[in-house]
C-alpha atoms as a PDB file:
ATOM      1  CA  GLU A   1     131.173 110.389 159.920  1.00  0.00           C
ATOM      2  CA  VAL A   2     134.081 109.178 157.689  1.00  0.00           C
ATOM      3  CA  ASN A   3     131.982 110.115 154.236  1.00  0.00           C
ATOM      4  CA  ALA A   4     132.085 106.667 152.957  1.00  0.00           C
ATOM      5  CA  CYS A   5     130.701 106.152 149.724  1.00  0.00           C
ATOM      6  CA  GLY A   6     129.657 102.628 150.505  1.00  0.00           C
ATOM      7  CA  TYR A   7     130.850  99.462 151.766  1.00  0.00           C
ATOM      8  CA  ILE A   8     132.108  96.010 150.386  1.00  0.00           C
ATOM      9  CA  VAL A   9     131.378  92.856 151.894  1.00  0.00           C
ATOM     10  CA  LYS A  10     133.549  89.929 151.357  1.00  0.00           C
ATOM     11  CA  PRO A  11     133.307  87.865 149.290  1.00  0.00           C
ATOM     12  CA  SER A  12     132.996  90.522 146.596  1.00  0.00           C
ATOM     13  CA  SER A  13     132.215  90.608 142.829  1.00  0.00           C
ATOM     14  CA  ARG A  14     133.819  93.113 140.329  1.00  0.00           C
ATOM     15  CA  HIS A  15     130.653  94.368 139.625  1.00  0.00           C
ATOM     16  CA  LYS A  16     130.303  95.606 143.424  1.00  0.00           C
ATOM     17  CA  LEU A  17     133.948  96.942 143.716  1.00  0.00           C
ATOM     18  CA  PHE A  18     133.582  98.705 140.458  1.00  0.00           C
ATOM     19  CA  GLY A  19     130.375 100.389 141.468  1.00  0.00           C
ATOM     20  CA  ALA A  20     131.978 101.484 144.786  1.00  0.00           C
ATOM     21  CA  LEU A  21     134.916 102.969 142.476  1.00  0.00           C
ATOM     22  CA  ASP A  22     132.351 104.852 140.435  1.00  0.00           C
ATOM     23  CA  ARG A  23     130.403 106.304 143.295  1.00  0.00           C
ATOM     24  CA  ALA A  24     133.754 107.174 144.900  1.00  0.00           C
ATOM     25  CA  SER A  25     135.292 108.869 141.936  1.00  0.00           C
ATOM     26  CA  GLU A  26     131.804 110.940 141.220  1.00  0.00           C
ATOM     27  CA  LYS A  27     132.082 112.356 144.628  1.00  0.00           C
ATOM     28  CA  PHE A  28     135.657 113.652 144.160  1.00  0.00           C
ATOM     29  CA  SER A  29     135.346 114.691 140.495  1.00  0.00           C
ATOM     30  CA  SER A  30     133.261 117.739 141.074  1.00  0.00           C
ATOM     31  CA  ASP A  31     136.400 119.846 141.383  1.00  0.00           C
ATOM     32  CA  VAL A  32     137.120 119.319 137.545  1.00  0.00           C
ATOM     33  CA  TYR A  33     136.008 120.312 134.442  1.00  0.00           C
ATOM     34  CA  ARG A  34     135.790 117.597 131.514  1.00  0.00           C
ATOM     35  CA  PHE A  35     135.198 118.235 127.613  1.00  0.00           C
ATOM     36  CA  LYS A  36     135.894 116.544 124.502  1.00  0.00           C
ATOM     37  CA  HIS A  37     138.505 117.833 122.090  1.00  0.00           C
ATOM     38  CA  ARG A  38     139.612 115.865 118.782  1.00  0.00           C
ATOM     39  CA  GLY A  39     137.695 112.641 120.393  1.00  0.00           C
ATOM     40  CA  ASP A  40     139.890 112.873 123.796  1.00  0.00           C
ATOM     41  CA  ILE A  41     138.655 113.614 127.202  1.00  0.00           C
ATOM     42  CA  ILE A  42     140.208 116.403 128.827  1.00  0.00           C
ATOM     43  CA  THR A  43     140.241 116.660 132.777  1.00  0.00           C
ATOM     44  CA  LEU A  44     141.148 120.028 134.293  1.00  0.00           C
ATOM     45  CA  ALA A  45     141.281 120.979 137.920  1.00  0.00           C
ATOM     46  CA  LEU A  46     139.181 124.052 138.333  1.00  0.00           C
ATOM     47  CA  ASN A  47     141.744 126.017 140.311  1.00  0.00           C
ATOM     48  CA  ASP A  48     144.097 125.367 137.343  1.00  0.00           C
ATOM     49  CA  ILE A  49     141.360 127.241 134.866  1.00  0.00           C
ATOM     50  CA  MET A  50     142.577 131.109 135.282  1.00  0.00           C
ATOM     51  CA  TYR A  51     139.865 132.242 132.911  1.00  0.00           C
ATOM     52  CA  ILE A  52     137.780 131.150 129.534  1.00  0.00           C
ATOM     53  CA  GLU A  53     137.538 133.295 126.745  1.00  0.00           C
ATOM     54  CA  SER A  54     134.832 133.132 124.253  1.00  0.00           C
ATOM     55  CA  ARG A  55     135.903 134.041 120.549  1.00  0.00           C
ATOM     56  CA  ASN A  56     133.420 133.632 117.356  1.00  0.00           C
ATOM     57  CA  SER A  57     131.885 129.855 117.900  1.00  0.00           C
ATOM     58  CA  LYS A  58     134.741 128.601 120.294  1.00  0.00           C
ATOM     59  CA  CYS A  59     135.875 129.081 123.895  1.00  0.00           C
ATOM     60  CA  ILE A  60     139.506 129.128 125.138  1.00  0.00           C
ATOM     61  CA  ILE A  61     140.152 127.828 128.199  1.00  0.00           C
ATOM     62  CA  HIS A  62     143.385 129.692 129.712  1.00  0.00           C
ATOM     63  CA  CYS A  63     145.275 127.657 132.204  1.00  0.00           C
ATOM     64  CA  ARG A  64     147.974 128.541 135.100  1.00  0.00           C
ATOM     65  CA  ASP A  65     150.481 126.492 133.524  1.00  0.00           C
ATOM     66  CA  GLY A  66     149.810 128.683 130.082  1.00  0.00           C
ATOM     67  CA  GLU A  67     148.504 125.697 128.353  1.00  0.00           C
ATOM     68  CA  ARG A  68     145.173 126.868 126.293  1.00  0.00           C
ATOM     69  CA  HIS A  69     142.340 124.115 125.258  1.00  0.00           C
ATOM     70  CA  THR A  70     139.762 125.175 122.731  1.00  0.00           C
ATOM     71  CA  VAL A  71     136.324 123.877 123.500  1.00  0.00           C
ATOM     72  CA  TYR A  72     133.488 124.730 120.432  1.00  0.00           C
ATOM     73  CA  THR A  73     130.613 125.587 122.684  1.00  0.00           C
ATOM     74  CA  LYS A  74     129.263 128.801 124.189  1.00  0.00           C
ATOM     75  CA  LEU A  75     130.283 130.210 127.103  1.00  0.00           C
ATOM     76  CA  SER A  76     126.764 130.217 128.689  1.00  0.00           C
ATOM     77  CA  GLU A  77     127.088 126.344 128.663  1.00  0.00           C
ATOM     78  CA  ILE A  78     130.280 126.246 130.253  1.00  0.00           C
ATOM     79  CA  GLU A  79     129.104 128.624 133.063  1.00  0.00           C
ATOM     80  CA  LYS A  80     125.908 126.274 133.583  1.00  0.00           C
ATOM     81  CA  GLU A  81     128.333 122.958 133.506  1.00  0.00           C
ATOM     82  CA  LEU A  82     130.861 124.674 136.130  1.00  0.00           C
ATOM     83  CA  ASP A  83     128.129 126.321 138.231  1.00  0.00           C
ATOM     84  CA  ASP A  84     131.210 127.192 140.873  1.00  0.00           C
ATOM     85  CA  CYS A  85     131.225 130.156 142.985  1.00  0.00           C
ATOM     86  CA  ARG A  86     134.969 130.972 142.365  1.00  0.00           C
ATOM     87  CA  PHE A  87     133.930 131.701 138.842  1.00  0.00           C
ATOM     88  CA  LEU A  88     132.519 135.140 137.548  1.00  0.00           C
ATOM     89  CA  ARG A  89     131.073 136.270 134.209  1.00  0.00           C
ATOM     90  CA  CYS A  90     132.291 139.607 134.349  1.00  0.00           C
ATOM     91  CA  HIS A  91     132.093 140.361 130.353  1.00  0.00           C
ATOM     92  CA  GLN A  92     130.142 138.755 127.562  1.00  0.00           C
ATOM     93  CA  SER A  93     133.253 137.175 126.641  1.00  0.00           C
ATOM     94  CA  TYR A  94     134.820 136.103 129.893  1.00  0.00           C
ATOM     95  CA  PHE A  95     134.507 133.871 132.641  1.00  0.00           C
ATOM     96  CA  VAL A  96     137.220 134.479 135.401  1.00  0.00           C
ATOM     97  CA  ASN A  97     138.495 132.202 138.255  1.00  0.00           C
ATOM     98  CA  MET A  98     138.358 134.710 140.986  1.00  0.00           C
ATOM     99  CA  ASN A  99     141.063 132.918 142.493  1.00  0.00           C
ATOM    100  CA  HIS A 100     143.554 133.966 140.223  1.00  0.00           C
ATOM    101  CA  ILE A 101     142.703 137.885 140.368  1.00  0.00           C
ATOM    102  CA  ILE A 102     145.398 139.902 142.191  1.00  0.00           C
ATOM    103  CA  ARG A 103     144.056 143.553 141.299  1.00  0.00           C
ATOM    104  CA  ALA A 104     140.110 144.720 140.459  1.00  0.00           C
ATOM    105  CA  ASP A 105     140.158 148.380 138.924  1.00  0.00           C
ATOM    106  CA  ASN A 106     138.514 149.147 135.259  1.00  0.00           C
ATOM    107  CA  CYS A 107     139.707 145.424 134.832  1.00  0.00           C
ATOM    108  CA  PHE A 108     140.657 142.268 136.572  1.00  0.00           C
ATOM    109  CA  GLU A 109     144.632 141.353 136.603  1.00  0.00           C
ATOM    110  CA  LEU A 110     145.493 137.779 137.059  1.00  0.00           C
ATOM    111  CA  THR A 111     148.522 136.282 138.550  1.00  0.00           C
ATOM    112  CA  ASN A 112     149.957 135.575 134.925  1.00  0.00           C
ATOM    113  CA  GLY A 113     149.496 139.262 134.211  1.00  0.00           C
ATOM    114  CA  ASP A 114     146.319 138.986 131.930  1.00  0.00           C
ATOM    115  CA  LYS A 115     144.254 141.528 132.105  1.00  0.00           C
ATOM    116  CA  ILE A 116     140.312 140.713 131.804  1.00  0.00           C
ATOM    117  CA  LEU A 117     137.725 142.989 130.882  1.00  0.00           C
ATOM    118  CA  ILE A 118     134.689 143.931 133.165  1.00  0.00           C
ATOM    119  CA  ARG A 119     131.314 144.794 131.642  1.00  0.00           C
ATOM    120  CA  GLN A 120     131.386 148.607 132.198  1.00  0.00           C
ATOM    121  CA  ARG A 121     127.739 148.817 133.108  1.00  0.00           C
ATOM    122  CA  SER A 122     128.394 146.340 135.732  1.00  0.00           C
ATOM    123  CA  LEU A 123     131.693 147.130 136.896  1.00  0.00           C
ATOM    124  CA  LYS A 124     130.542 148.310 140.518  1.00  0.00           C
ATOM    125  CA  GLU A 125     128.640 144.852 140.681  1.00  0.00           C
ATOM    126  CA  ASN A 126     131.306 142.784 139.575  1.00  0.00           C
ATOM    127  CA  LYS A 127     133.741 144.300 141.772  1.00  0.00           C
ATOM    128  CA  ARG A 128     131.424 143.987 144.638  1.00  0.00           C
ATOM    129  CA  ILE A 129     131.113 140.031 144.083  1.00  0.00           C
ATOM    130  CA  PHE A 130     134.874 139.877 143.825  1.00  0.00           C
ATOM    131  CA  TYR A 131     135.525 141.672 147.255  1.00  0.00           C
ATOM    132  CA  ASP A 132     132.736 139.518 148.946  1.00  0.00           C
ATOM    133  CA  TYR A 133     134.083 136.167 147.702  1.00  0.00           C
ATOM    134  CA  ILE A 134     137.663 137.240 148.704  1.00  0.00           C
ATOM    135  CA  GLY A 135     136.007 138.399 152.272  1.00  0.00           C
ATOM    136  CA  GLU A 136     134.643 135.188 152.657  1.00  0.00           C
ATOM    137  CA  LYS A 137     137.673 133.127 151.755  1.00  0.00           C
END
């Protein structure tokens, strides 16, 4: 009823406390994307990611605040890791957060003015997925 991740009975040990905290953080961390960049772990809220662009052997994550992060992996790998209904693979090189789309025409226009290409042979299907997503929201 209260969505508890566990409970700790007194007297408690550090081991039990840290175990409960780990379980709680796993529960609430599903709305983020974590990746390594130059030895650091970067954590981004999914809502802050506007789109991810694939270029050569790297992906560029474009964020709402204008920041860009480079990840040396394939776009298909990021797509598998995120597995979130708000993201749409609309083109071979683009994975877009539908929460940031303001117009769908021959491309998706985002809240920051960027335009994201839509694969022409699946234009109708991508627009339908977007409209269905907006309708459910």
